[in-house]
Each structure stands twice: as structure tokens, then as C-alpha cells.
PDB file of N, CA and C in Angstrom:
ATOM      1  N   MET A   1      -2.017 -26.526  50.768  1.00  0.00           N
ATOM      2  CA  MET A   1      -1.987 -25.087  50.620  1.00  0.00           C
ATOM      3  C   MET A   1      -1.213 -24.678  49.362  1.00  0.00           C
ATOM      4  N   GLN A   2      -0.070 -25.343  49.109  1.00  0.00           N
ATOM      5  CA  GLN A   2       0.707 -25.013  47.919  1.00  0.00           C
ATOM      6  C   GLN A   2      -0.058 -25.338  46.647  1.00  0.00           C
ATOM      7  N   ASP A   3      -0.817 -26.423  46.639  1.00  0.00           N
ATOM      8  CA  ASP A   3      -1.610 -26.775  45.462  1.00  0.00           C
ATOM      9  C   ASP A   3      -2.650 -25.700  45.176  1.00  0.00           C
ATOM     10  N   ARG A   4      -3.283 -25.210  46.218  1.00  0.00           N
ATOM     11  CA  ARG A   4      -4.286 -24.149  46.043  1.00  0.00           C
ATOM     12  C   ARG A   4      -3.641 -22.872  45.522  1.00  0.00           C
ATOM     13  N   LEU A   5      -2.483 -22.532  46.025  1.00  0.00           N
ATOM     14  CA  LEU A   5      -1.761 -21.350  45.578  1.00  0.00           C
ATOM     15  C   LEU A   5      -1.358 -21.495  44.110  1.00  0.00           C
ATOM     16  N   ARG A   6      -0.876 -22.671  43.725  1.00  0.00           N
ATOM     17  CA  ARG A   6      -0.515 -22.926  42.321  1.00  0.00           C
ATOM     18  C   ARG A   6      -1.738 -22.791  41.420  1.00  0.00           C
ATOM     19  N   PHE A   7      -2.863 -23.342  41.869  1.00  0.00           N
ATOM     20  CA  PHE A   7      -4.091 -23.257  41.095  1.00  0.00           C
ATOM     21  C   PHE A   7      -4.502 -21.802  40.901  1.00  0.00           C
ATOM     22  N   LEU A   8      -4.486 -21.025  41.963  1.00  0.00           N
ATOM     23  CA  LEU A   8      -4.865 -19.609  41.874  1.00  0.00           C
ATOM     24  C   LEU A   8      -3.922 -18.831  40.968  1.00  0.00           C
ATOM     25  N   LEU A   9      -2.636 -19.116  41.059  1.00  0.00           N
ATOM     26  CA  LEU A   9      -1.665 -18.452  40.202  1.00  0.00           C
ATOM     27  C   LEU A   9      -1.892 -18.812  38.735  1.00  0.00           C
ATOM     28  N   ALA A  10      -2.159 -20.071  38.465  1.00  0.00           N
ATOM     29  CA  ALA A  10      -2.437 -20.512  37.094  1.00  0.00           C
ATOM     30  C   ALA A  10      -3.712 -19.857  36.566  1.00  0.00           C
ATOM     31  N   ALA A  11      -4.730 -19.756  37.394  1.00  0.00           N
ATOM     32  CA  ALA A  11      -5.983 -19.115  36.985  1.00  0.00           C
ATOM     33  C   ALA A  11      -5.760 -17.641  36.685  1.00  0.00           C
ATOM     34  N   LEU A  12      -4.969 -16.972  37.506  1.00  0.00           N
ATOM     35  CA  LEU A  12      -4.675 -15.560  37.287  1.00  0.00           C
ATOM     36  C   LEU A  12      -3.910 -15.364  35.982  1.00  0.00           C
ATOM     37  N   CYS A  13      -2.922 -16.191  35.725  1.00  0.00           N
ATOM     38  CA  CYS A  13      -2.152 -16.098  34.482  1.00  0.00           C
ATOM     39  C   CYS A  13      -3.049 -16.313  33.260  1.00  0.00           C
ATOM     40  N   THR A  14      -3.927 -17.283  33.348  1.00  0.00           N
ATOM     41  CA  THR A  14      -4.854 -17.545  32.250  1.00  0.00           C
ATOM     42  C   THR A  14      -5.760 -16.349  32.007  1.00  0.00           C
ATOM     43  N   ALA A  15      -6.267 -15.751  33.068  1.00  0.00           N
ATOM     44  CA  ALA A  15      -7.139 -14.579  32.936  1.00  0.00           C
ATOM     45  C   ALA A  15      -6.406 -13.415  32.289  1.00  0.00           C
ATOM     46  N   ILE A  16      -5.156 -13.233  32.631  1.00  0.00           N
ATOM     47  CA  ILE A  16      -4.368 -12.141  32.044  1.00  0.00           C
ATOM     48  C   ILE A  16      -4.164 -12.377  30.550  1.00  0.00           C
ATOM     49  N   VAL A  17      -3.841 -13.608  30.170  1.00  0.00           N
ATOM     50  CA  VAL A  17      -3.641 -13.920  28.756  1.00  0.00           C
ATOM     51  C   VAL A  17      -4.933 -13.722  27.974  1.00  0.00           C
ATOM     52  N   VAL A  18      -6.039 -14.199  28.518  1.00  0.00           N
ATOM     53  CA  VAL A  18      -7.327 -14.069  27.832  1.00  0.00           C
ATOM     54  C   VAL A  18      -7.712 -12.599  27.712  1.00  0.00           C
ATOM     55  N   ALA A  19      -7.552 -11.825  28.761  1.00  0.00           N
ATOM     56  CA  ALA A  19      -7.888 -10.402  28.716  1.00  0.00           C
ATOM     57  C   ALA A  19      -7.014  -9.677  27.717  1.00  0.00           C
ATOM     58  N   GLY A  20      -5.743  -9.995  27.691  1.00  0.00           N
ATOM     59  CA  GLY A  20      -4.830  -9.369  26.731  1.00  0.00           C
ATOM     60  C   GLY A  20      -5.200  -9.716  25.305  1.00  0.00           C
ATOM     61  N   GLY A  21      -5.544 -10.965  25.066  1.00  0.00           N
ATOM     62  CA  GLY A  21      -5.954 -11.390  23.733  1.00  0.00           C
ATOM     63  C   GLY A  21      -7.227 -10.718  23.295  1.00  0.00           C
ATOM     64  N   SER A  22      -8.157 -10.515  24.212  1.00  0.00           N
ATOM     65  CA  SER A  22      -9.409  -9.856  23.877  1.00  0.00           C
ATOM     66  C   SER A  22      -9.175  -8.407  23.495  1.00  0.00           C
ATOM     67  N   ALA A  23      -8.280  -7.742  24.214  1.00  0.00           N
ATOM     68  CA  ALA A  23      -7.985  -6.344  23.902  1.00  0.00           C
ATOM     69  C   ALA A  23      -7.347  -6.237  22.526  1.00  0.00           C
ATOM     70  N   CYS A  24      -6.438  -7.145  22.212  1.00  0.00           N
ATOM     71  CA  CYS A  24      -5.800  -7.137  20.899  1.00  0.00           C
ATOM     72  C   CYS A  24      -6.814  -7.428  19.803  1.00  0.00           C
ATOM     73  N   ALA A  25      -7.717  -8.342  20.073  1.00  0.00           N
ATOM     74  CA  ALA A  25      -8.715  -8.722  19.080  1.00  0.00           C
ATOM     75  C   ALA A  25      -9.618  -7.556  18.727  1.00  0.00           C
ATOM     76  N   ALA A  26      -9.916  -6.697  19.690  1.00  0.00           N
ATOM     77  CA  ALA A  26     -10.794  -5.568  19.431  1.00  0.00           C
ATOM     78  C   ALA A  26     -10.199  -4.616  18.401  1.00  0.00           C
ATOM     79  N   ALA A  27      -8.876  -4.514  18.364  1.00  0.00           N
ATOM     80  CA  ALA A  27      -8.206  -3.615  17.427  1.00  0.00           C
ATOM     81  C   ALA A  27      -7.912  -4.294  16.088  1.00  0.00           C
ATOM     82  N   LEU A  28      -8.174  -5.570  15.977  1.00  0.00           N
ATOM     83  CA  LEU A  28      -7.874  -6.343  14.780  1.00  0.00           C
ATOM     84  C   LEU A  28      -8.868  -6.014  13.666  1.00  0.00           C
ATOM     85  N   ALA A  29      -8.357  -5.814  12.470  1.00  0.00           N
ATOM     86  CA  ALA A  29      -9.190  -5.430  11.322  1.00  0.00           C
ATOM     87  C   ALA A  29     -10.314  -6.434  11.082  1.00  0.00           C
ATOM     88  N   GLU A  30     -11.505  -5.902  10.918  1.00  0.00           N
ATOM     89  CA  GLU A  30     -12.677  -6.707  10.553  1.00  0.00           C
ATOM     90  C   GLU A  30     -12.722  -6.815   9.032  1.00  0.00           C
ATOM     91  N   PRO A  31     -12.985  -7.982   8.498  1.00  0.00           N
ATOM     92  CA  PRO A  31     -13.100  -8.090   7.043  1.00  0.00           C
ATOM     93  C   PRO A  31     -14.381  -7.417   6.545  1.00  0.00           C
ATOM     94  N   THR A  32     -14.318  -6.916   5.338  1.00  0.00           N
ATOM     95  CA  THR A  32     -15.453  -6.239   4.717  1.00  0.00           C
ATOM     96  C   THR A  32     -15.886  -6.987   3.456  1.00  0.00           C
ATOM     97  N   GLN A  33     -16.989  -6.573   2.873  1.00  0.00           N
ATOM     98  CA  GLN A  33     -17.430  -7.184   1.628  1.00  0.00           C
ATOM     99  C   GLN A  33     -16.405  -6.931   0.521  1.00  0.00           C
ATOM    100  N   ARG A  34     -15.761  -5.774   0.555  1.00  0.00           N
ATOM    101  CA  ARG A  34     -14.717  -5.486  -0.426  1.00  0.00           C
ATOM    102  C   ARG A  34     -13.544  -6.470  -0.258  1.00  0.00           C
ATOM    103  N   ASP A  35     -13.214  -6.779   0.983  1.00  0.00           N
ATOM    104  CA  ASP A  35     -12.178  -7.788   1.230  1.00  0.00           C
ATOM    105  C   ASP A  35     -12.598  -9.133   0.636  1.00  0.00           C
ATOM    106  N   ALA A  36     -13.864  -9.490   0.825  1.00  0.00           N
ATOM    107  CA  ALA A  36     -14.357 -10.775   0.315  1.00  0.00           C
ATOM    108  C   ALA A  36     -14.265 -10.823  -1.210  1.00  0.00           C
ATOM    109  N   SER A  37     -14.589  -9.715  -1.865  1.00  0.00           N
ATOM    110  CA  SER A  37     -14.474  -9.660  -3.330  1.00  0.00           C
ATOM    111  C   SER A  37     -13.026  -9.821  -3.762  1.00  0.00           C
ATOM    112  N   TYR A  38     -12.134  -9.159  -3.050  1.00  0.00           N
ATOM    113  CA  TYR A  38     -10.708  -9.280  -3.332  1.00  0.00           C
ATOM    114  C   TYR A  38     -10.242 -10.725  -3.125  1.00  0.00           C
ATOM    115  N   ALA A  39     -10.630 -11.329  -1.996  1.00  0.00           N
ATOM    116  CA  ALA A  39     -10.221 -12.698  -1.682  1.00  0.00           C
ATOM    117  C   ALA A  39     -10.755 -13.688  -2.715  1.00  0.00           C
ATOM    118  N   ALA A  40     -11.973 -13.469  -3.187  1.00  0.00           N
ATOM    119  CA  ALA A  40     -12.577 -14.383  -4.158  1.00  0.00           C
ATOM    120  C   ALA A  40     -11.818 -14.386  -5.481  1.00  0.00           C
ATOM    121  N   GLN A  41     -11.086 -13.314  -5.759  1.00  0.00           N
ATOM    122  CA  GLN A  41     -10.257 -13.285  -6.973  1.00  0.00           C
ATOM    123  C   GLN A  41      -9.059 -14.227  -6.824  1.00  0.00           C
ATOM    124  N   HIS A  42      -8.600 -14.415  -5.594  1.00  0.00           N
ATOM    125  CA  HIS A  42      -7.443 -15.262  -5.334  1.00  0.00           C
ATOM    126  C   HIS A  42      -7.833 -16.688  -4.935  1.00  0.00           C
ATOM    127  N   TRP A  43      -8.947 -16.812  -4.258  1.00  0.00           N
ATOM    128  CA  TRP A  43      -9.471 -18.105  -3.821  1.00  0.00           C
ATOM    129  C   TRP A  43     -10.948 -18.136  -4.198  1.00  0.00           C
ATOM    130  N   PRO A  44     -11.265 -18.561  -5.404  1.00  0.00           N
ATOM    131  CA  PRO A  44     -12.646 -18.526  -5.878  1.00  0.00           C
ATOM    132  C   PRO A  44     -13.630 -19.122  -4.871  1.00  0.00           C
ATOM    133  N   GLY A  45     -14.724 -18.404  -4.686  1.00  0.00           N
ATOM    134  CA  GLY A  45     -15.776 -18.859  -3.784  1.00  0.00           C
ATOM    135  C   GLY A  45     -15.620 -18.361  -2.355  1.00  0.00           C
ATOM    136  N   THR A  46     -14.527 -17.674  -2.038  1.00  0.00           N
ATOM    137  CA  THR A  46     -14.328 -17.171  -0.680  1.00  0.00           C
ATOM    138  C   THR A  46     -15.411 -16.145  -0.351  1.00  0.00           C
ATOM    139  N   THR A  47     -15.992 -16.282   0.830  1.00  0.00           N
ATOM    140  CA  THR A  47     -17.085 -15.394   1.251  1.00  0.00           C
ATOM    141  C   THR A  47     -16.655 -14.527   2.433  1.00  0.00           C
ATOM    142  N   LEU A  48     -17.455 -13.505   2.694  1.00  0.00           N
ATOM    143  CA  LEU A  48     -17.222 -12.654   3.858  1.00  0.00           C
ATOM    144  C   LEU A  48     -17.313 -13.487   5.137  1.00  0.00           C
ATOM    145  N   ALA A  49     -18.264 -14.399   5.189  1.00  0.00           N
ATOM    146  CA  ALA A  49     -18.421 -15.258   6.374  1.00  0.00           C
ATOM    147  C   ALA A  49     -17.166 -16.094   6.616  1.00  0.00           C
ATOM    148  N   GLU A  50     -16.524 -16.564   5.560  1.00  0.00           N
ATOM    149  CA  GLU A  50     -15.294 -17.343   5.721  1.00  0.00           C
ATOM    150  C   GLU A  50     -14.151 -16.468   6.232  1.00  0.00           C
ATOM    151  N   LEU A  51     -14.077 -15.235   5.744  1.00  0.00           N
ATOM    152  CA  LEU A  51     -13.048 -14.322   6.250  1.00  0.00           C
ATOM    153  C   LEU A  51     -13.295 -14.002   7.724  1.00  0.00           C
ATOM    154  N   GLU A  52     -14.547 -13.824   8.086  1.00  0.00           N
ATOM    155  CA  GLU A  52     -14.884 -13.574   9.495  1.00  0.00           C
ATOM    156  C   GLU A  52     -14.532 -14.790  10.351  1.00  0.00           C
ATOM    157  N   GLN A  53     -14.786 -15.980   9.824  1.00  0.00           N
ATOM    158  CA  GLN A  53     -14.439 -17.210  10.542  1.00  0.00           C
ATOM    159  C   GLN A  53     -12.919 -17.318  10.685  1.00  0.00           C
ATOM    160  N   GLY A  54     -12.178 -16.944   9.653  1.00  0.00           N
ATOM    161  CA  GLY A  54     -10.725 -16.952   9.715  1.00  0.00           C
ATOM    162  C   GLY A  54     -10.204 -16.009  10.779  1.00  0.00           C
ATOM    163  N   ARG A  55     -10.826 -14.831  10.886  1.00  0.00           N
ATOM    164  CA  ARG A  55     -10.449 -13.863  11.920  1.00  0.00           C
ATOM    165  C   ARG A  55     -10.711 -14.447  13.309  1.00  0.00           C
ATOM    166  N   ALA A  56     -11.885 -15.042  13.487  1.00  0.00           N
ATOM    167  CA  ALA A  56     -12.249 -15.623  14.780  1.00  0.00           C
ATOM    168  C   ALA A  56     -11.290 -16.757  15.163  1.00  0.00           C
ATOM    169  N   LEU A  57     -10.938 -17.595  14.214  1.00  0.00           N
ATOM    170  CA  LEU A  57      -9.996 -18.685  14.474  1.00  0.00           C
ATOM    171  C   LEU A  57      -8.614 -18.150  14.825  1.00  0.00           C
ATOM    172  N   PHE A  58      -8.194 -17.084  14.141  1.00  0.00           N
ATOM    173  CA  PHE A  58      -6.910 -16.447  14.429  1.00  0.00           C
ATOM    174  C   PHE A  58      -6.882 -15.973  15.875  1.00  0.00           C
ATOM    175  N   VAL A  59      -7.928 -15.278  16.289  1.00  0.00           N
ATOM    176  CA  VAL A  59      -7.998 -14.779  17.660  1.00  0.00           C
ATOM    177  C   VAL A  59      -8.034 -15.947  18.641  1.00  0.00           C
ATOM    178  N   GLN A  60      -8.920 -16.884  18.417  1.00  0.00           N
ATOM    179  CA  GLN A  60      -9.122 -18.016  19.326  1.00  0.00           C
ATOM    180  C   GLN A  60      -7.864 -18.873  19.454  1.00  0.00           C
ATOM    181  N   THR A  61      -7.208 -19.138  18.354  1.00  0.00           N
ATOM    182  CA  THR A  61      -6.069 -20.052  18.355  1.00  0.00           C
ATOM    183  C   THR A  61      -4.773 -19.371  18.785  1.00  0.00           C
ATOM    184  N   CYS A  62      -4.543 -18.172  18.313  1.00  0.00           N
ATOM    185  CA  CYS A  62      -3.228 -17.550  18.484  1.00  0.00           C
ATOM    186  C   CYS A  62      -3.103 -16.709  19.754  1.00  0.00           C
ATOM    187  N   ALA A  63      -4.174 -16.079  20.188  1.00  0.00           N
ATOM    188  CA  ALA A  63      -4.098 -15.204  21.364  1.00  0.00           C
ATOM    189  C   ALA A  63      -3.859 -15.978  22.655  1.00  0.00           C
ATOM    190  N   GLY A  64      -4.094 -17.269  22.646  1.00  0.00           N
ATOM    191  CA  GLY A  64      -3.847 -18.064  23.835  1.00  0.00           C
ATOM    192  C   GLY A  64      -2.367 -18.228  24.152  1.00  0.00           C
ATOM    193  N   CYS A  65      -1.516 -18.019  23.149  1.00  0.00           N
ATOM    194  CA  CYS A  65      -0.073 -18.220  23.351  1.00  0.00           C
ATOM    195  C   CYS A  65       0.740 -16.931  23.288  1.00  0.00           C
ATOM    196  N   HIS A  66       0.289 -15.967  22.497  1.00  0.00           N
ATOM    197  CA  HIS A  66       1.077 -14.741  22.329  1.00  0.00           C
ATOM    198  C   HIS A  66       0.183 -13.594  21.882  1.00  0.00           C
ATOM    199  N   THR A  67       0.748 -12.400  21.911  1.00  0.00           N
ATOM    200  CA  THR A  67       0.035 -11.223  21.428  1.00  0.00           C
ATOM    201  C   THR A  67      -0.243 -11.403  19.941  1.00  0.00           C
ATOM    202  N   LEU A  68      -1.424 -11.020  19.517  1.00  0.00           N
ATOM    203  CA  LEU A  68      -1.768 -11.154  18.107  1.00  0.00           C
ATOM    204  C   LEU A  68      -0.945 -10.184  17.270  1.00  0.00           C
ATOM    205  N   LYS A  69      -0.445 -10.678  16.171  1.00  0.00           N
ATOM    206  CA  LYS A  69       0.301  -9.831  15.242  1.00  0.00           C
ATOM    207  C   LYS A  69      -0.675  -9.062  14.365  1.00  0.00           C
ATOM    208  N   ASN A  70      -0.278  -7.874  13.984  1.00  0.00           N
ATOM    209  CA  ASN A  70      -1.056  -7.087  13.043  1.00  0.00           C
ATOM    210  C   ASN A  70      -0.991  -7.800  11.692  1.00  0.00           C
ATOM    211  N   PRO A  71      -2.114  -7.999  11.019  1.00  0.00           N
ATOM    212  CA  PRO A  71      -2.079  -8.687   9.724  1.00  0.00           C
ATOM    213  C   PRO A  71      -1.141  -8.030   8.707  1.00  0.00           C
ATOM    214  N   THR A  72      -0.903  -6.729   8.840  1.00  0.00           N
ATOM    215  CA  THR A  72      -0.004  -6.062   7.890  1.00  0.00           C
ATOM    216  C   THR A  72       1.470  -6.243   8.248  1.00  0.00           C
ATOM    217  N   SER A  73       1.765  -7.013   9.307  1.00  0.00           N
ATOM    218  CA  SER A  73       3.154  -7.231   9.692  1.00  0.00           C
ATOM    219  C   SER A  73       3.873  -8.222   8.772  1.00  0.00           C
ATOM    220  N   HIS A  74       3.117  -8.946   7.958  1.00  0.00           N
ATOM    221  CA  HIS A  74       3.697  -9.879   6.982  1.00  0.00           C
ATOM    222  C   HIS A  74       3.037  -9.647   5.633  1.00  0.00           C
ATOM    223  N   SER A  75       3.719 -10.071   4.593  1.00  0.00           N
ATOM    224  CA  SER A  75       3.123 -10.060   3.259  1.00  0.00           C
ATOM    225  C   SER A  75       2.094 -11.181   3.196  1.00  0.00           C
ATOM    226  N   PRO A  76       1.216 -11.140   2.205  1.00  0.00           N
ATOM    227  CA  PRO A  76       0.271 -12.257   2.076  1.00  0.00           C
ATOM    228  C   PRO A  76       0.981 -13.623   1.996  1.00  0.00           C
ATOM    229  N   ALA A  77       2.060 -13.698   1.242  1.00  0.00           N
ATOM    230  CA  ALA A  77       2.793 -14.972   1.141  1.00  0.00           C
ATOM    231  C   ALA A  77       3.462 -15.325   2.468  1.00  0.00           C
ATOM    232  N   GLY A  78       3.892 -14.311   3.198  1.00  0.00           N
ATOM    233  CA  GLY A  78       4.537 -14.544   4.483  1.00  0.00           C
ATOM    234  C   GLY A  78       3.602 -15.166   5.496  1.00  0.00           C
ATOM    235  N   TRP A  79       2.311 -14.835   5.410  1.00  0.00           N
ATOM    236  CA  TRP A  79       1.351 -15.392   6.362  1.00  0.00           C
ATOM    237  C   TRP A  79       1.188 -16.896   6.183  1.00  0.00           C
ATOM    238  N   ARG A  80       1.239 -17.370   4.952  1.00  0.00           N
ATOM    239  CA  ARG A  80       1.104 -18.825   4.735  1.00  0.00           C
ATOM    240  C   ARG A  80       2.235 -19.549   5.470  1.00  0.00           C
ATOM    241  N   ALA A  81       3.455 -19.070   5.311  1.00  0.00           N
ATOM    242  CA  ALA A  81       4.598 -19.701   5.983  1.00  0.00           C
ATOM    243  C   ALA A  81       4.472 -19.585   7.499  1.00  0.00           C
ATOM    244  N   GLU A  82       4.027 -18.430   7.977  1.00  0.00           N
ATOM    245  CA  GLU A  82       3.883 -18.210   9.419  1.00  0.00           C
ATOM    246  C   GLU A  82       2.855 -19.160  10.026  1.00  0.00           C
ATOM    247  N   VAL A  83       1.706 -19.282   9.394  1.00  0.00           N
ATOM    248  CA  VAL A  83       0.653 -20.164   9.919  1.00  0.00           C
ATOM    249  C   VAL A  83       1.123 -21.622   9.880  1.00  0.00           C
ATOM    250  N   GLU A  84       1.760 -22.014   8.802  1.00  0.00           N
ATOM    251  CA  GLU A  84       2.250 -23.394   8.713  1.00  0.00           C
ATOM    252  C   GLU A  84       3.293 -23.670   9.800  1.00  0.00           C
ATOM    253  N   GLN A  85       4.156 -22.709  10.068  1.00  0.00           N
ATOM    254  CA  GLN A  85       5.160 -22.876  11.125  1.00  0.00           C
ATOM    255  C   GLN A  85       4.479 -22.999  12.491  1.00  0.00           C
ATOM    256  N   MET A  86       3.479 -22.173  12.752  1.00  0.00           N
ATOM    257  CA  MET A  86       2.784 -22.206  14.041  1.00  0.00           C
ATOM    258  C   MET A  86       2.012 -23.504  14.227  1.00  0.00           C
ATOM    259  N   ARG A  87       1.524 -24.073  13.145  1.00  0.00           N
ATOM    260  CA  ARG A  87       0.784 -25.340  13.241  1.00  0.00           C
ATOM    261  C   ARG A  87       1.663 -26.445  13.808  1.00  0.00           C
ATOM    262  N   GLY A  88       2.967 -26.309  13.637  1.00  0.00           N
ATOM    263  CA  GLY A  88       3.883 -27.315  14.138  1.00  0.00           C
ATOM    264  C   GLY A  88       4.175 -27.198  15.626  1.00  0.00           C
ATOM    265  N   LYS A  89       3.702 -26.138  16.259  1.00  0.00           N
ATOM    266  CA  LYS A  89       3.965 -25.914  17.679  1.00  0.00           C
ATOM    267  C   LYS A  89       3.074 -26.810  18.534  1.00  0.00           C
ATOM    268  N   LYS A  90       3.597 -27.184  19.678  1.00  0.00           N
ATOM    269  CA  LYS A  90       2.842 -28.003  20.620  1.00  0.00           C
ATOM    270  C   LYS A  90       1.600 -27.252  21.090  1.00  0.00           C
ATOM    271  N   GLY A  91       0.480 -27.904  21.090  1.00  0.00           N
ATOM    272  CA  GLY A  91      -0.754 -27.303  21.577  1.00  0.00           C
ATOM    273  C   GLY A  91      -1.562 -26.570  20.517  1.00  0.00           C
ATOM    274  N   VAL A  92      -1.033 -26.441  19.302  1.00  0.00           N
ATOM    275  CA  VAL A  92      -1.773 -25.775  18.232  1.00  0.00           C
ATOM    276  C   VAL A  92      -2.437 -26.852  17.386  1.00  0.00           C
ATOM    277  N   ALA A  93      -3.746 -26.928  17.491  1.00  0.00           N
ATOM    278  CA  ALA A  93      -4.493 -27.958  16.774  1.00  0.00           C
ATOM    279  C   ALA A  93      -5.389 -27.299  15.731  1.00  0.00           C
ATOM    280  N   LEU A  94      -4.881 -27.197  14.523  1.00  0.00           N
ATOM    281  CA  LEU A  94      -5.658 -26.655  13.411  1.00  0.00           C
ATOM    282  C   LEU A  94      -5.683 -27.685  12.296  1.00  0.00           C
ATOM    283  N   ASP A  95      -6.873 -27.966  11.782  1.00  0.00           N
ATOM    284  CA  ASP A  95      -6.916 -28.835  10.613  1.00  0.00           C
ATOM    285  C   ASP A  95      -6.618 -27.985   9.376  1.00  0.00           C
ATOM    286  N   ASP A  96      -6.506 -28.619   8.230  1.00  0.00           N
ATOM    287  CA  ASP A  96      -6.144 -27.908   7.002  1.00  0.00           C
ATOM    288  C   ASP A  96      -7.129 -26.801   6.657  1.00  0.00           C
ATOM    289  N   GLN A  97      -8.423 -27.073   6.830  1.00  0.00           N
ATOM    290  CA  GLN A  97      -9.446 -26.077   6.496  1.00  0.00           C
ATOM    291  C   GLN A  97      -9.357 -24.864   7.427  1.00  0.00           C
ATOM    292  N   GLN A  98      -9.169 -25.085   8.707  1.00  0.00           N
ATOM    293  CA  GLN A  98      -9.052 -23.977   9.658  1.00  0.00           C
ATOM    294  C   GLN A  98      -7.819 -23.131   9.362  1.00  0.00           C
ATOM    295  N   ALA A  99      -6.701 -23.794   9.090  1.00  0.00           N
ATOM    296  CA  ALA A  99      -5.475 -23.062   8.760  1.00  0.00           C
ATOM    297  C   ALA A  99      -5.685 -22.223   7.508  1.00  0.00           C
ATOM    298  N   GLU A 100      -6.351 -22.780   6.517  1.00  0.00           N
ATOM    299  CA  GLU A 100      -6.600 -22.056   5.276  1.00  0.00           C
ATOM    300  C   GLU A 100      -7.492 -20.837   5.512  1.00  0.00           C
ATOM    301  N   LEU A 101      -8.489 -20.943   6.372  1.00  0.00           N
ATOM    302  CA  LEU A 101      -9.339 -19.792   6.683  1.00  0.00           C
ATOM    303  C   LEU A 101      -8.536 -18.673   7.346  1.00  0.00           C
ATOM    304  N   ILE A 102      -7.650 -19.036   8.260  1.00  0.00           N
ATOM    305  CA  ILE A 102      -6.801 -18.035   8.912  1.00  0.00           C
ATOM    306  C   ILE A 102      -5.884 -17.379   7.879  1.00  0.00           C
ATOM    307  N   ILE A 103      -5.281 -18.183   7.027  1.00  0.00           N
ATOM    308  CA  ILE A 103      -4.375 -17.660   5.993  1.00  0.00           C
ATOM    309  C   ILE A 103      -5.116 -16.710   5.063  1.00  0.00           C
ATOM    310  N   ARG A 104      -6.305 -17.068   4.659  1.00  0.00           N
ATOM    311  CA  ARG A 104      -7.071 -16.201   3.747  1.00  0.00           C
ATOM    312  C   ARG A 104      -7.419 -14.873   4.416  1.00  0.00           C
ATOM    313  N   TYR A 105      -7.835 -14.930   5.678  1.00  0.00           N
ATOM    314  CA  TYR A 105      -8.137 -13.688   6.398  1.00  0.00           C
ATOM    315  C   TYR A 105      -6.887 -12.810   6.489  1.00  0.00           C
ATOM    316  N   LEU A 106      -5.795 -13.375   7.002  1.00  0.00           N
ATOM    317  CA  LEU A 106      -4.576 -12.590   7.209  1.00  0.00           C
ATOM    318  C   LEU A 106      -4.003 -12.079   5.899  1.00  0.00           C
ATOM    319  N   SER A 107      -3.990 -12.917   4.876  1.00  0.00           N
ATOM    320  CA  SER A 107      -3.451 -12.513   3.573  1.00  0.00           C
ATOM    321  C   SER A 107      -4.282 -11.409   2.939  1.00  0.00           C
ATOM    322  N   THR A 108      -5.587 -11.503   3.088  1.00  0.00           N
ATOM    323  CA  THR A 108      -6.467 -10.484   2.520  1.00  0.00           C
ATOM    324  C   THR A 108      -6.260  -9.146   3.203  1.00  0.00           C
ATOM    325  N   VAL A 109      -6.224  -9.141   4.520  1.00  0.00           N
ATOM    326  CA  VAL A 109      -6.006  -7.883   5.244  1.00  0.00           C
ATOM    327  C   VAL A 109      -4.608  -7.346   4.962  1.00  0.00           C
ATOM    328  N   ALA A 110      -3.624  -8.230   4.888  1.00  0.00           N
ATOM    329  CA  ALA A 110      -2.256  -7.805   4.577  1.00  0.00           C
ATOM    330  C   ALA A 110      -2.176  -7.185   3.189  1.00  0.00           C
ATOM    331  N   SER A 111      -3.022  -7.627   2.286  1.00  0.00           N
ATOM    332  CA  SER A 111      -2.997  -7.104   0.918  1.00  0.00           C
ATOM    333  C   SER A 111      -3.471  -5.656   0.848  1.00  0.00           C
ATOM    334  N   ARG A 112      -4.131  -5.183   1.877  1.00  0.00           N
ATOM    335  CA  ARG A 112      -4.575  -3.790   1.893  1.00  0.00           C
ATOM    336  C   ARG A 112      -3.397  -2.839   1.739  1.00  0.00           C
ATOM    337  N   GLN A 113      -2.235  -3.206   2.271  1.00  0.00           N
ATOM    338  CA  GLN A 113      -1.065  -2.339   2.167  1.00  0.00           C
ATOM    339  C   GLN A 113      -0.508  -2.313   0.743  1.00  0.00           C
ATOM    340  N   ASP A 114      -0.936  -3.256  -0.085  1.00  0.00           N
ATOM    341  CA  ASP A 114      -0.481  -3.298  -1.473  1.00  0.00           C
ATOM    342  C   ASP A 114      -1.468  -2.592  -2.411  1.00  0.00           C
ATOM    343  N   GLY A 115      -2.296  -1.738  -1.879  1.00  0.00           N
ATOM    344  CA  GLY A 115      -3.219  -0.975  -2.709  1.00  0.00           C
ATOM    345  C   GLY A 115      -4.663  -1.366  -2.553  1.00  0.00           C
ATOM    346  N   HIS A 116      -4.930  -2.487  -1.944  1.00  0.00           N
ATOM    347  CA  HIS A 116      -6.316  -2.896  -1.690  1.00  0.00           C
ATOM    348  C   HIS A 116      -6.751  -2.194  -0.397  1.00  0.00           C
ATOM    349  N   VAL A 117      -7.731  -1.356  -0.504  1.00  0.00           N
ATOM    350  CA  VAL A 117      -8.193  -0.605   0.671  1.00  0.00           C
ATOM    351  C   VAL A 117      -9.630  -0.996   0.937  1.00  0.00           C
ATOM    352  N   ALA A 118      -9.897  -1.439   2.141  1.00  0.00           N
ATOM    353  CA  ALA A 118     -11.251  -1.861   2.500  1.00  0.00           C
ATOM    354  C   ALA A 118     -12.172  -0.665   2.610  1.00  0.00           C
ATOM    355  N   ALA A 119     -13.385  -0.840   2.164  1.00  0.00           N
ATOM    356  CA  ALA A 119     -14.388   0.223   2.310  1.00  0.00           C
ATOM    357  C   ALA A 119     -14.741   0.363   3.765  1.00  0.00           C
ATOM    358  N   ARG A 120     -14.941   1.545   4.200  1.00  0.00           N
ATOM    359  CA  ARG A 120     -15.292   1.808   5.610  1.00  0.00           C
ATOM    360  C   ARG A 120     -16.778   1.834   5.786  1.00  0.00           C
TER     361      ARG A 120
END
């Protein structure tokens, strides 16, 4: 009986975390073609699809452990350090390419506060 109760409690906790992450993800800035043009100036060849993939990886990887941070909560340079620090945490499995996609997405959106404004 205790095993079943533990299982149900664990399932409920997981559902709450997933639901919370989904709600946060809905409010998360979507990259635009203007963002992709901006990113390509800093990382030649960066595409809108890569920024979208970076956003998806950010949601998928980070929302499982904590509330998603607003991309404007750090400077573009701050995001590189933040992602690298999180990669060292237990249970975070990101290869170099995945981490770079997340960094490019977050840094690009964070750059909007420095005068880069995405087209609506």
C-alpha cells in the first residue's frame, strides 16, 4: 500500500511540474525572423529554425527542474555562464550543440533589451 501511495504522489508531483513548465513556456518569447537576422550577425549561419530548436530545448531541459527564467533576466553573456553552470548539474544531459542552441536563443532574446526589438 505504501509503495502505491509513493507512486501516486510521485506521479502527481511530476504532473504539477510538467503543467507548470508548460504554462511558463506559453509566455516565453518566440523567436522571429528579425531575431534570426540579428543572431546570424553574431553566429554566422544561425537560422530561425535553430533559434526555435534552442527555445524548445530550453523548455524541455530546464522546466523539468525549475520555473523557466525570462530570457531578459540575464545579459547575453550571462546566459552562456548560466547554461554552462546548469550543464554541470545532476540529470542535465546536454551535448555541446544543444547547449549552444539554447545559448543562442536566450542570448538573442536577451539582446532585445539592448535595442534589438523583434518584429511583431
